[in-house]
Amino acid sequence: MRAARLLTGSVLAAAVTAPAAAPAVAAGHGTLVVSPLDAAPGATITVHTAACGAGGTATGDASTVGAGTFALAPGSGRQEGRFTIPSTAQPGTYEIVATCQDRTRVSGDLAISLTAAEGGPVPGAQAATDTGGALGPDPVRTAGAIAALGVATVGGTWLLYRRGRGDGL
């Protein structure tokens, strides 16, 4: 009975913490990799994907950030392109899209911040706060981590209570 309780507790803890600890989707054939992920207005952004196949071409669309369209050329088994973030771009997260010649569509996110790549502030920018903490600003991952901590706290308290009563744990 004791082994079953321990096994059940371990399985429950793993099920709760797994979503919070899961890494972001790895760069693969169905994604558009944006580099750097966080940049300031005026920065040059590089994107690449392998979604279009060897030798394929694509057209990128960064109009959400005000940079318009750009070409992705084949090279090294993937397509690669560049664009520059306009100086008028506002802070936030923007979707960058690439469409292959066969109409396959992939996307990736670009975060524009108020700090320049060198680490200094952008002239005329106002300070912003980030409540994302160690897990970043993703509310789902933050909620998952908080839930995992709550389960661990309740489970640990319950085990200490049972042990103190002498229930065989």
N, C-alpha and C. Protein backbone atom coordinates (compact mmCIF):
# COMPACT_ATOMS: atom_id res chain seq x y z
N MET A 1 0.82 -1.19 0.00
CA MET A 1 0.00 0.00 0.00
C MET A 1 0.88 1.26 0.00
N ARG A 2 1.94 1.24 0.81
CA ARG A 2 2.83 2.39 0.90
C ARG A 2 3.50 2.67 -0.44
N ALA A 3 3.95 1.62 -1.14
CA ALA A 3 4.59 1.79 -2.45
C ALA A 3 3.60 2.37 -3.45
N ALA A 4 2.36 1.95 -3.38
CA ALA A 4 1.35 2.47 -4.30
C ALA A 4 1.12 3.96 -4.07
N ARG A 5 1.12 4.39 -2.81
CA ARG A 5 0.95 5.81 -2.50
C ARG A 5 2.12 6.63 -3.03
N LEU A 6 3.33 6.12 -2.82
CA LEU A 6 4.50 6.83 -3.31
C LEU A 6 4.50 6.93 -4.83
N LEU A 7 4.14 5.83 -5.48
CA LEU A 7 4.09 5.81 -6.94
C LEU A 7 3.02 6.78 -7.46
N THR A 8 1.86 6.78 -6.82
CA THR A 8 0.78 7.68 -7.23
C THR A 8 1.20 9.14 -7.05
N GLY A 9 1.85 9.45 -5.94
CA GLY A 9 2.32 10.82 -5.71
C GLY A 9 3.36 11.25 -6.74
N SER A 10 4.26 10.33 -7.08
CA SER A 10 5.29 10.65 -8.07
C SER A 10 4.69 10.89 -9.45
N VAL A 11 3.74 10.05 -9.83
CA VAL A 11 3.09 10.21 -11.13
C VAL A 11 2.31 11.52 -11.18
N LEU A 12 1.62 11.85 -10.11
CA LEU A 12 0.86 13.10 -10.06
C LEU A 12 1.79 14.30 -10.17
N ALA A 13 2.89 14.27 -9.43
CA ALA A 13 3.84 15.39 -9.48
C ALA A 13 4.43 15.54 -10.88
N ALA A 14 4.76 14.43 -11.52
CA ALA A 14 5.33 14.49 -12.86
C ALA A 14 4.30 15.03 -13.86
N ALA A 15 3.05 14.63 -13.72
CA ALA A 15 2.02 15.09 -14.66
C ALA A 15 1.76 16.58 -14.52
N VAL A 16 1.86 17.10 -13.30
CA VAL A 16 1.60 18.51 -13.08
C VAL A 16 2.77 19.36 -13.54
N THR A 17 3.99 18.91 -13.28
CA THR A 17 5.16 19.73 -13.60
C THR A 17 5.62 19.60 -15.03
N ALA A 18 5.26 18.58 -15.75
CA ALA A 18 5.74 18.38 -17.12
C ALA A 18 5.37 19.53 -18.05
N PRO A 19 4.14 20.04 -18.07
CA PRO A 19 3.84 21.14 -18.99
C PRO A 19 4.64 22.39 -18.68
N ALA A 20 4.91 22.69 -17.44
CA ALA A 20 5.66 23.89 -17.09
C ALA A 20 7.13 23.76 -17.45
N ALA A 21 7.64 22.53 -17.41
CA ALA A 21 9.06 22.32 -17.69
C ALA A 21 9.33 22.02 -19.16
N ALA A 22 8.29 21.85 -19.96
CA ALA A 22 8.48 21.51 -21.37
C ALA A 22 9.16 22.65 -22.11
N PRO A 23 10.16 22.35 -22.92
CA PRO A 23 10.83 23.42 -23.67
C PRO A 23 9.96 23.93 -24.80
N ALA A 24 10.29 25.09 -25.29
CA ALA A 24 9.59 25.64 -26.44
C ALA A 24 9.80 24.72 -27.64
N VAL A 25 8.96 24.82 -28.65
CA VAL A 25 9.08 23.99 -29.84
C VAL A 25 10.46 24.19 -30.47
N ALA A 26 11.13 23.09 -30.72
CA ALA A 26 12.47 23.18 -31.31
C ALA A 26 12.37 23.60 -32.77
N ALA A 27 13.45 24.24 -33.22
CA ALA A 27 13.48 24.65 -34.62
C ALA A 27 13.45 23.41 -35.50
N GLY A 28 12.52 23.34 -36.41
CA GLY A 28 12.39 22.18 -37.25
C GLY A 28 11.90 22.58 -38.62
N HIS A 29 11.31 21.62 -39.30
CA HIS A 29 10.87 21.86 -40.67
C HIS A 29 9.64 22.73 -40.75
N GLY A 30 8.85 22.80 -39.69
CA GLY A 30 7.61 23.56 -39.75
C GLY A 30 7.64 24.88 -39.02
N THR A 31 8.83 25.40 -38.75
CA THR A 31 8.90 26.65 -38.01
C THR A 31 9.74 27.68 -38.76
N LEU A 32 9.54 28.92 -38.37
CA LEU A 32 10.37 30.01 -38.86
C LEU A 32 11.20 30.47 -37.67
N VAL A 33 12.50 30.32 -37.75
CA VAL A 33 13.39 30.70 -36.66
C VAL A 33 13.78 32.16 -36.84
N VAL A 34 13.52 32.97 -35.83
CA VAL A 34 13.79 34.40 -35.85
C VAL A 34 14.97 34.67 -34.92
N SER A 35 15.97 35.39 -35.43
CA SER A 35 17.16 35.67 -34.63
C SER A 35 17.63 37.10 -34.83
N PRO A 36 17.84 37.86 -33.81
CA PRO A 36 17.56 37.53 -32.41
C PRO A 36 16.06 37.56 -32.13
N LEU A 37 15.67 36.88 -31.06
CA LEU A 37 14.25 36.84 -30.69
C LEU A 37 13.77 38.15 -30.12
N ASP A 38 14.67 38.89 -29.48
CA ASP A 38 14.34 40.17 -28.85
C ASP A 38 15.29 41.22 -29.40
N ALA A 39 14.75 42.25 -30.02
CA ALA A 39 15.58 43.27 -30.67
C ALA A 39 14.95 44.64 -30.49
N ALA A 40 15.73 45.65 -30.81
CA ALA A 40 15.27 47.04 -30.71
C ALA A 40 15.06 47.60 -32.11
N PRO A 41 14.30 48.68 -32.23
CA PRO A 41 14.15 49.33 -33.53
C PRO A 41 15.51 49.65 -34.14
N GLY A 42 15.64 49.40 -35.45
CA GLY A 42 16.90 49.61 -36.16
C GLY A 42 17.74 48.37 -36.30
N ALA A 43 17.41 47.31 -35.57
CA ALA A 43 18.20 46.07 -35.63
C ALA A 43 17.89 45.28 -36.90
N THR A 44 18.88 44.54 -37.38
CA THR A 44 18.69 43.64 -38.52
C THR A 44 18.34 42.27 -37.98
N ILE A 45 17.27 41.70 -38.51
CA ILE A 45 16.76 40.40 -38.07
C ILE A 45 17.02 39.38 -39.16
N THR A 46 17.47 38.19 -38.76
CA THR A 46 17.68 37.08 -39.67
C THR A 46 16.62 36.02 -39.38
N VAL A 47 15.99 35.49 -40.42
CA VAL A 47 15.03 34.40 -40.26
C VAL A 47 15.45 33.25 -41.16
N HIS A 48 15.16 32.02 -40.70
CA HIS A 48 15.42 30.87 -41.57
C HIS A 48 14.44 29.75 -41.29
N THR A 49 14.25 28.90 -42.28
CA THR A 49 13.35 27.77 -42.18
C THR A 49 13.81 26.68 -43.15
N ALA A 50 13.43 25.45 -42.86
CA ALA A 50 13.68 24.34 -43.77
C ALA A 50 12.36 23.83 -44.35
N ALA A 51 11.29 24.58 -44.15
CA ALA A 51 9.95 24.16 -44.56
C ALA A 51 9.77 24.09 -46.07
N CYS A 52 10.59 24.82 -46.83
CA CYS A 52 10.39 24.90 -48.27
C CYS A 52 11.16 23.84 -49.04
N GLY A 53 11.89 22.99 -48.35
CA GLY A 53 12.66 21.94 -49.01
C GLY A 53 13.97 22.47 -49.57
N ALA A 54 14.84 21.55 -49.93
CA ALA A 54 16.15 21.91 -50.46
C ALA A 54 16.00 22.70 -51.76
N GLY A 55 16.64 23.82 -51.84
CA GLY A 55 16.60 24.64 -53.04
C GLY A 55 15.36 25.49 -53.19
N GLY A 56 14.44 25.41 -52.26
CA GLY A 56 13.20 26.17 -52.35
C GLY A 56 13.41 27.63 -51.98
N THR A 57 12.46 28.45 -52.37
CA THR A 57 12.50 29.87 -52.02
C THR A 57 11.23 30.22 -51.26
N ALA A 58 11.25 31.39 -50.63
CA ALA A 58 10.08 31.84 -49.87
C ALA A 58 10.05 33.35 -49.86
N THR A 59 8.89 33.88 -49.54
CA THR A 59 8.71 35.31 -49.35
C THR A 59 8.35 35.54 -47.89
N GLY A 60 9.09 36.40 -47.23
CA GLY A 60 8.82 36.72 -45.84
C GLY A 60 7.93 37.93 -45.74
N ASP A 61 7.17 38.00 -44.66
CA ASP A 61 6.28 39.13 -44.42
C ASP A 61 6.48 39.62 -42.99
N ALA A 62 7.07 40.80 -42.86
CA ALA A 62 7.28 41.43 -41.56
C ALA A 62 6.47 42.72 -41.48
N SER A 63 5.34 42.76 -42.18
CA SER A 63 4.53 43.98 -42.20
C SER A 63 3.88 44.24 -40.85
N THR A 64 3.73 43.23 -40.00
CA THR A 64 3.16 43.46 -38.68
C THR A 64 4.02 44.41 -37.86
N VAL A 65 5.33 44.41 -38.13
CA VAL A 65 6.25 45.30 -37.42
C VAL A 65 6.58 46.54 -38.25
N GLY A 66 6.06 46.58 -39.49
CA GLY A 66 6.28 47.72 -40.36
C GLY A 66 7.45 47.58 -41.31
N ALA A 67 8.00 46.37 -41.44
CA ALA A 67 9.17 46.16 -42.30
C ALA A 67 8.81 45.65 -43.69
N GLY A 68 7.56 45.34 -43.95
CA GLY A 68 7.14 44.89 -45.28
C GLY A 68 7.57 43.47 -45.60
N THR A 69 7.72 43.19 -46.92
CA THR A 69 8.09 41.85 -47.35
C THR A 69 9.58 41.79 -47.66
N PHE A 70 10.11 40.55 -47.65
CA PHE A 70 11.52 40.32 -47.94
C PHE A 70 11.66 38.91 -48.49
N ALA A 71 12.75 38.66 -49.19
CA ALA A 71 12.97 37.35 -49.82
C ALA A 71 13.78 36.44 -48.91
N LEU A 72 13.46 35.14 -48.97
CA LEU A 72 14.26 34.12 -48.31
C LEU A 72 14.88 33.27 -49.42
N ALA A 73 16.19 33.23 -49.45
CA ALA A 73 16.91 32.51 -50.49
C ALA A 73 17.40 31.16 -49.98
N PRO A 74 17.52 30.17 -50.87
CA PRO A 74 18.01 28.86 -50.44
C PRO A 74 19.50 28.90 -50.11
N GLY A 75 19.88 28.03 -49.18
CA GLY A 75 21.28 27.90 -48.81
C GLY A 75 21.42 26.96 -47.64
N SER A 76 22.36 26.03 -47.71
CA SER A 76 22.65 25.08 -46.62
C SER A 76 21.43 24.29 -46.18
N GLY A 77 20.60 23.86 -47.11
CA GLY A 77 19.43 23.04 -46.79
C GLY A 77 18.27 23.80 -46.18
N ARG A 78 18.33 25.11 -46.18
CA ARG A 78 17.24 25.91 -45.64
C ARG A 78 17.17 27.24 -46.39
N GLN A 79 16.08 27.98 -46.13
CA GLN A 79 15.90 29.29 -46.73
C GLN A 79 16.22 30.34 -45.66
N GLU A 80 16.90 31.41 -46.08
CA GLU A 80 17.29 32.44 -45.12
C GLU A 80 17.03 33.81 -45.71
N GLY A 81 16.60 34.73 -44.85
CA GLY A 81 16.36 36.10 -45.26
C GLY A 81 16.61 37.06 -44.12
N ARG A 82 16.64 38.35 -44.46
CA ARG A 82 16.89 39.40 -43.46
C ARG A 82 15.97 40.60 -43.70
N PHE A 83 15.68 41.30 -42.62
CA PHE A 83 14.97 42.57 -42.72
C PHE A 83 15.40 43.43 -41.54
N THR A 84 15.14 44.73 -41.63
CA THR A 84 15.50 45.67 -40.57
C THR A 84 14.23 46.19 -39.91
N ILE A 85 14.25 46.22 -38.60
CA ILE A 85 13.11 46.75 -37.84
C ILE A 85 13.10 48.27 -38.00
N PRO A 86 11.99 48.84 -38.45
CA PRO A 86 11.93 50.30 -38.62
C PRO A 86 12.09 51.03 -37.29
N SER A 87 12.62 52.22 -37.34
CA SER A 87 12.82 53.01 -36.13
C SER A 87 11.50 53.42 -35.48
N THR A 88 10.41 53.32 -36.22
CA THR A 88 9.10 53.69 -35.69
C THR A 88 8.38 52.52 -35.02
N ALA A 89 8.99 51.34 -35.01
CA ALA A 89 8.34 50.15 -34.44
C ALA A 89 8.12 50.32 -32.94
N GLN A 90 6.97 49.87 -32.48
CA GLN A 90 6.61 49.96 -31.07
C GLN A 90 6.94 48.66 -30.35
N PRO A 91 7.22 48.71 -29.04
CA PRO A 91 7.50 47.49 -28.28
C PRO A 91 6.32 46.53 -28.33
N GLY A 92 6.62 45.25 -28.33
CA GLY A 92 5.60 44.22 -28.35
C GLY A 92 6.11 42.98 -29.04
N THR A 93 5.25 41.99 -29.18
CA THR A 93 5.58 40.74 -29.86
C THR A 93 4.83 40.71 -31.19
N TYR A 94 5.56 40.41 -32.24
CA TYR A 94 5.00 40.44 -33.59
C TYR A 94 5.22 39.10 -34.28
N GLU A 95 4.22 38.67 -35.07
CA GLU A 95 4.35 37.44 -35.85
C GLU A 95 5.01 37.76 -37.19
N ILE A 96 6.07 37.02 -37.50
CA ILE A 96 6.76 37.12 -38.78
C ILE A 96 6.41 35.84 -39.55
N VAL A 97 6.03 35.99 -40.81
CA VAL A 97 5.53 34.88 -41.61
C VAL A 97 6.40 34.69 -42.85
N ALA A 98 6.57 33.44 -43.26
CA ALA A 98 7.22 33.12 -44.54
C ALA A 98 6.32 32.16 -45.29
N THR A 99 6.16 32.41 -46.59
CA THR A 99 5.34 31.55 -47.44
C THR A 99 6.23 30.98 -48.54
N CYS A 100 6.30 29.65 -48.60
CA CYS A 100 7.12 28.97 -49.61
C CYS A 100 6.44 29.05 -50.97
N GLN A 101 7.21 28.72 -52.02
CA GLN A 101 6.66 28.76 -53.37
C GLN A 101 5.51 27.78 -53.53
N ASP A 102 5.46 26.71 -52.69
CA ASP A 102 4.34 25.76 -52.77
C ASP A 102 3.21 26.13 -51.81
N ARG A 103 3.22 27.35 -51.30
CA ARG A 103 2.21 27.94 -50.41
C ARG A 103 2.26 27.41 -48.97
N THR A 104 3.31 26.66 -48.62
CA THR A 104 3.50 26.26 -47.23
C THR A 104 3.78 27.53 -46.44
N ARG A 105 3.11 27.67 -45.31
CA ARG A 105 3.24 28.90 -44.50
C ARG A 105 3.80 28.53 -43.13
N VAL A 106 4.86 29.25 -42.72
CA VAL A 106 5.45 29.06 -41.39
C VAL A 106 5.57 30.42 -40.72
N SER A 107 5.61 30.42 -39.40
CA SER A 107 5.71 31.70 -38.70
C SER A 107 6.57 31.56 -37.46
N GLY A 108 7.02 32.71 -36.98
CA GLY A 108 7.79 32.80 -35.75
C GLY A 108 7.54 34.16 -35.13
N ASP A 109 7.87 34.29 -33.86
CA ASP A 109 7.62 35.54 -33.15
C ASP A 109 8.90 36.35 -32.97
N LEU A 110 8.74 37.66 -33.02
CA LEU A 110 9.80 38.62 -32.78
C LEU A 110 9.33 39.57 -31.70
N ALA A 111 10.15 39.74 -30.67
CA ALA A 111 9.82 40.69 -29.60
C ALA A 111 10.65 41.95 -29.80
N ILE A 112 9.98 43.07 -29.78
CA ILE A 112 10.68 44.35 -29.89
C ILE A 112 10.66 44.98 -28.50
N SER A 113 11.86 45.34 -28.04
CA SER A 113 11.99 45.90 -26.70
C SER A 113 12.43 47.36 -26.79
N LEU A 114 12.48 47.99 -25.65
CA LEU A 114 12.86 49.40 -25.58
C LEU A 114 14.36 49.61 -25.42
N THR A 115 15.13 48.54 -25.41
CA THR A 115 16.57 48.68 -25.25
C THR A 115 17.27 48.30 -26.54
N ALA A 116 18.36 49.01 -26.83
CA ALA A 116 19.12 48.74 -28.04
C ALA A 116 19.93 47.47 -27.87
N ALA A 117 20.43 46.92 -28.98
CA ALA A 117 21.22 45.70 -28.96
C ALA A 117 22.46 45.85 -28.08
N GLU A 118 23.03 47.05 -27.98
CA GLU A 118 24.23 47.27 -27.17
C GLU A 118 23.88 47.31 -25.69
N GLY A 119 22.60 47.29 -25.35
CA GLY A 119 22.19 47.30 -23.96
C GLY A 119 21.76 48.67 -23.46
N GLY A 120 21.89 49.70 -24.26
CA GLY A 120 21.50 51.04 -23.85
C GLY A 120 20.07 51.32 -24.23
N PRO A 121 19.47 52.34 -23.66
CA PRO A 121 18.09 52.66 -23.98
C PRO A 121 17.95 53.28 -25.36
N VAL A 122 16.82 53.08 -25.95
CA VAL A 122 16.50 53.69 -27.23
C VAL A 122 16.14 55.14 -26.97
N PRO A 123 16.69 56.09 -27.70
CA PRO A 123 16.38 57.49 -27.45
C PRO A 123 14.88 57.75 -27.52
N GLY A 124 14.36 58.47 -26.52
CA GLY A 124 12.95 58.83 -26.50
C GLY A 124 12.04 57.73 -25.99
N ALA A 125 12.59 56.58 -25.60
CA ALA A 125 11.75 55.47 -25.15
C ALA A 125 11.43 55.63 -23.67
N GLN A 126 10.27 55.11 -23.26
CA GLN A 126 9.89 55.14 -21.86
C GLN A 126 10.20 53.78 -21.26
N ALA A 127 10.40 53.75 -19.96
CA ALA A 127 10.70 52.50 -19.27
C ALA A 127 9.47 51.61 -19.28
N ALA A 128 9.72 50.30 -19.34
CA ALA A 128 8.64 49.33 -19.28
C ALA A 128 8.95 48.33 -18.18
N THR A 129 7.92 47.70 -17.65
CA THR A 129 8.13 46.67 -16.64
C THR A 129 7.77 45.34 -17.24
N ASP A 130 8.46 44.31 -16.76
CA ASP A 130 8.20 42.96 -17.23
C ASP A 130 7.92 42.10 -16.02
N THR A 131 6.74 41.56 -15.93
CA THR A 131 6.37 40.73 -14.79
C THR A 131 6.53 39.26 -15.10
N GLY A 132 7.29 38.94 -16.13
CA GLY A 132 7.43 37.55 -16.53
C GLY A 132 8.23 36.69 -15.60
N GLY A 133 9.20 37.24 -14.89
CA GLY A 133 10.01 36.45 -13.98
C GLY A 133 10.93 35.51 -14.72
N ALA A 134 11.37 34.47 -14.03
CA ALA A 134 12.36 33.55 -14.58
C ALA A 134 11.81 32.75 -15.76
N LEU A 135 10.51 32.53 -15.81
CA LEU A 135 9.93 31.74 -16.89
C LEU A 135 9.56 32.59 -18.10
N GLY A 136 9.73 33.90 -18.01
CA GLY A 136 9.38 34.76 -19.12
C GLY A 136 7.94 35.23 -19.00
N PRO A 137 7.48 35.96 -20.00
CA PRO A 137 6.15 36.55 -19.90
C PRO A 137 5.01 35.62 -20.31
N ASP A 138 5.28 34.33 -20.56
CA ASP A 138 4.24 33.41 -21.00
C ASP A 138 3.34 33.05 -19.81
N PRO A 139 2.09 33.50 -19.79
CA PRO A 139 1.23 33.26 -18.64
C PRO A 139 0.90 31.78 -18.42
N VAL A 140 0.86 30.98 -19.47
CA VAL A 140 0.55 29.56 -19.33
C VAL A 140 1.67 28.84 -18.58
N ARG A 141 2.91 29.11 -18.95
CA ARG A 141 4.04 28.48 -18.28
C ARG A 141 4.16 28.97 -16.84
N THR A 142 3.89 30.25 -16.62
CA THR A 142 3.95 30.79 -15.27
C THR A 142 2.87 30.14 -14.40
N ALA A 143 1.65 30.02 -14.91
CA ALA A 143 0.57 29.38 -14.16
C ALA A 143 0.90 27.91 -13.88
N GLY A 144 1.50 27.22 -14.85
CA GLY A 144 1.89 25.83 -14.66
C GLY A 144 2.93 25.69 -13.57
N ALA A 145 3.89 26.59 -13.53
CA ALA A 145 4.93 26.54 -12.51
C ALA A 145 4.34 26.81 -11.13
N ILE A 146 3.42 27.77 -11.04
CA ILE A 146 2.78 28.07 -9.77
C ILE A 146 1.95 26.88 -9.29
N ALA A 147 1.24 26.23 -10.21
CA ALA A 147 0.45 25.05 -9.86
C ALA A 147 1.37 23.92 -9.36
N ALA A 148 2.51 23.73 -10.01
CA ALA A 148 3.45 22.69 -9.59
C ALA A 148 3.98 22.97 -8.19
N LEU A 149 4.29 24.23 -7.92
CA LEU A 149 4.75 24.58 -6.57
C LEU A 149 3.66 24.35 -5.53
N GLY A 150 2.43 24.67 -5.89
CA GLY A 150 1.31 24.45 -4.98
C GLY A 150 1.11 22.97 -4.67
N VAL A 151 1.17 22.12 -5.69
CA VAL A 151 1.02 20.68 -5.49
C VAL A 151 2.15 20.15 -4.63
N ALA A 152 3.37 20.60 -4.89
CA ALA A 152 4.51 20.15 -4.09
C ALA A 152 4.36 20.57 -2.63
N THR A 153 3.88 21.79 -2.40
CA THR A 153 3.69 22.28 -1.04
C THR A 153 2.63 21.47 -0.31
N VAL A 154 1.48 21.26 -0.95
CA VAL A 154 0.40 20.50 -0.33
C VAL A 154 0.84 19.06 -0.08
N GLY A 155 1.50 18.45 -1.06
CA GLY A 155 1.95 17.07 -0.90
C GLY A 155 2.98 16.92 0.20
N GLY A 156 3.91 17.85 0.27
CA GLY A 156 4.92 17.78 1.33
C GLY A 156 4.32 17.97 2.70
N THR A 157 3.39 18.91 2.81
CA THR A 157 2.71 19.14 4.08
C THR A 157 1.93 17.91 4.50
N TRP A 158 1.23 17.29 3.57
CA TRP A 158 0.45 16.09 3.87
C TRP A 158 1.36 14.96 4.33
N LEU A 159 2.49 14.76 3.66
CA LEU A 159 3.42 13.70 4.06
C LEU A 159 3.98 13.95 5.46
N LEU A 160 4.34 15.20 5.76
CA LEU A 160 4.85 15.51 7.10
C LEU A 160 3.78 15.29 8.16
N TYR A 161 2.54 15.66 7.86
CA TYR A 161 1.44 15.44 8.79
C TYR A 161 1.25 13.95 9.07
N ARG A 162 1.23 13.15 8.02
CA ARG A 162 1.04 11.70 8.16
C ARG A 162 2.20 11.07 8.93
N ARG A 163 3.40 11.54 8.66
CA ARG A 163 4.59 11.01 9.34
C ARG A 163 4.54 11.35 10.83
N GLY A 164 4.11 12.58 11.14
CA GLY A 164 4.00 13.00 12.53
C GLY A 164 2.96 12.22 13.31
N ARG A 165 1.93 11.77 12.65
CA ARG A 165 0.88 10.96 13.32
C ARG A 165 1.31 9.54 13.48
N GLY A 166 2.37 9.13 12.78
CA GLY A 166 2.83 7.74 12.89
C GLY A 166 2.02 6.79 12.05
N ASP A 167 1.53 7.24 10.89
CA ASP A 167 0.71 6.40 10.02
C ASP A 167 1.53 5.46 9.14
N GLY A 168 2.80 5.29 9.41
CA GLY A 168 3.59 4.32 8.65
C GLY A 168 4.29 4.90 7.44
N LEU A 169 4.38 6.18 7.34
CA LEU A 169 5.09 6.78 6.21
C LEU A 169 6.46 7.20 6.61
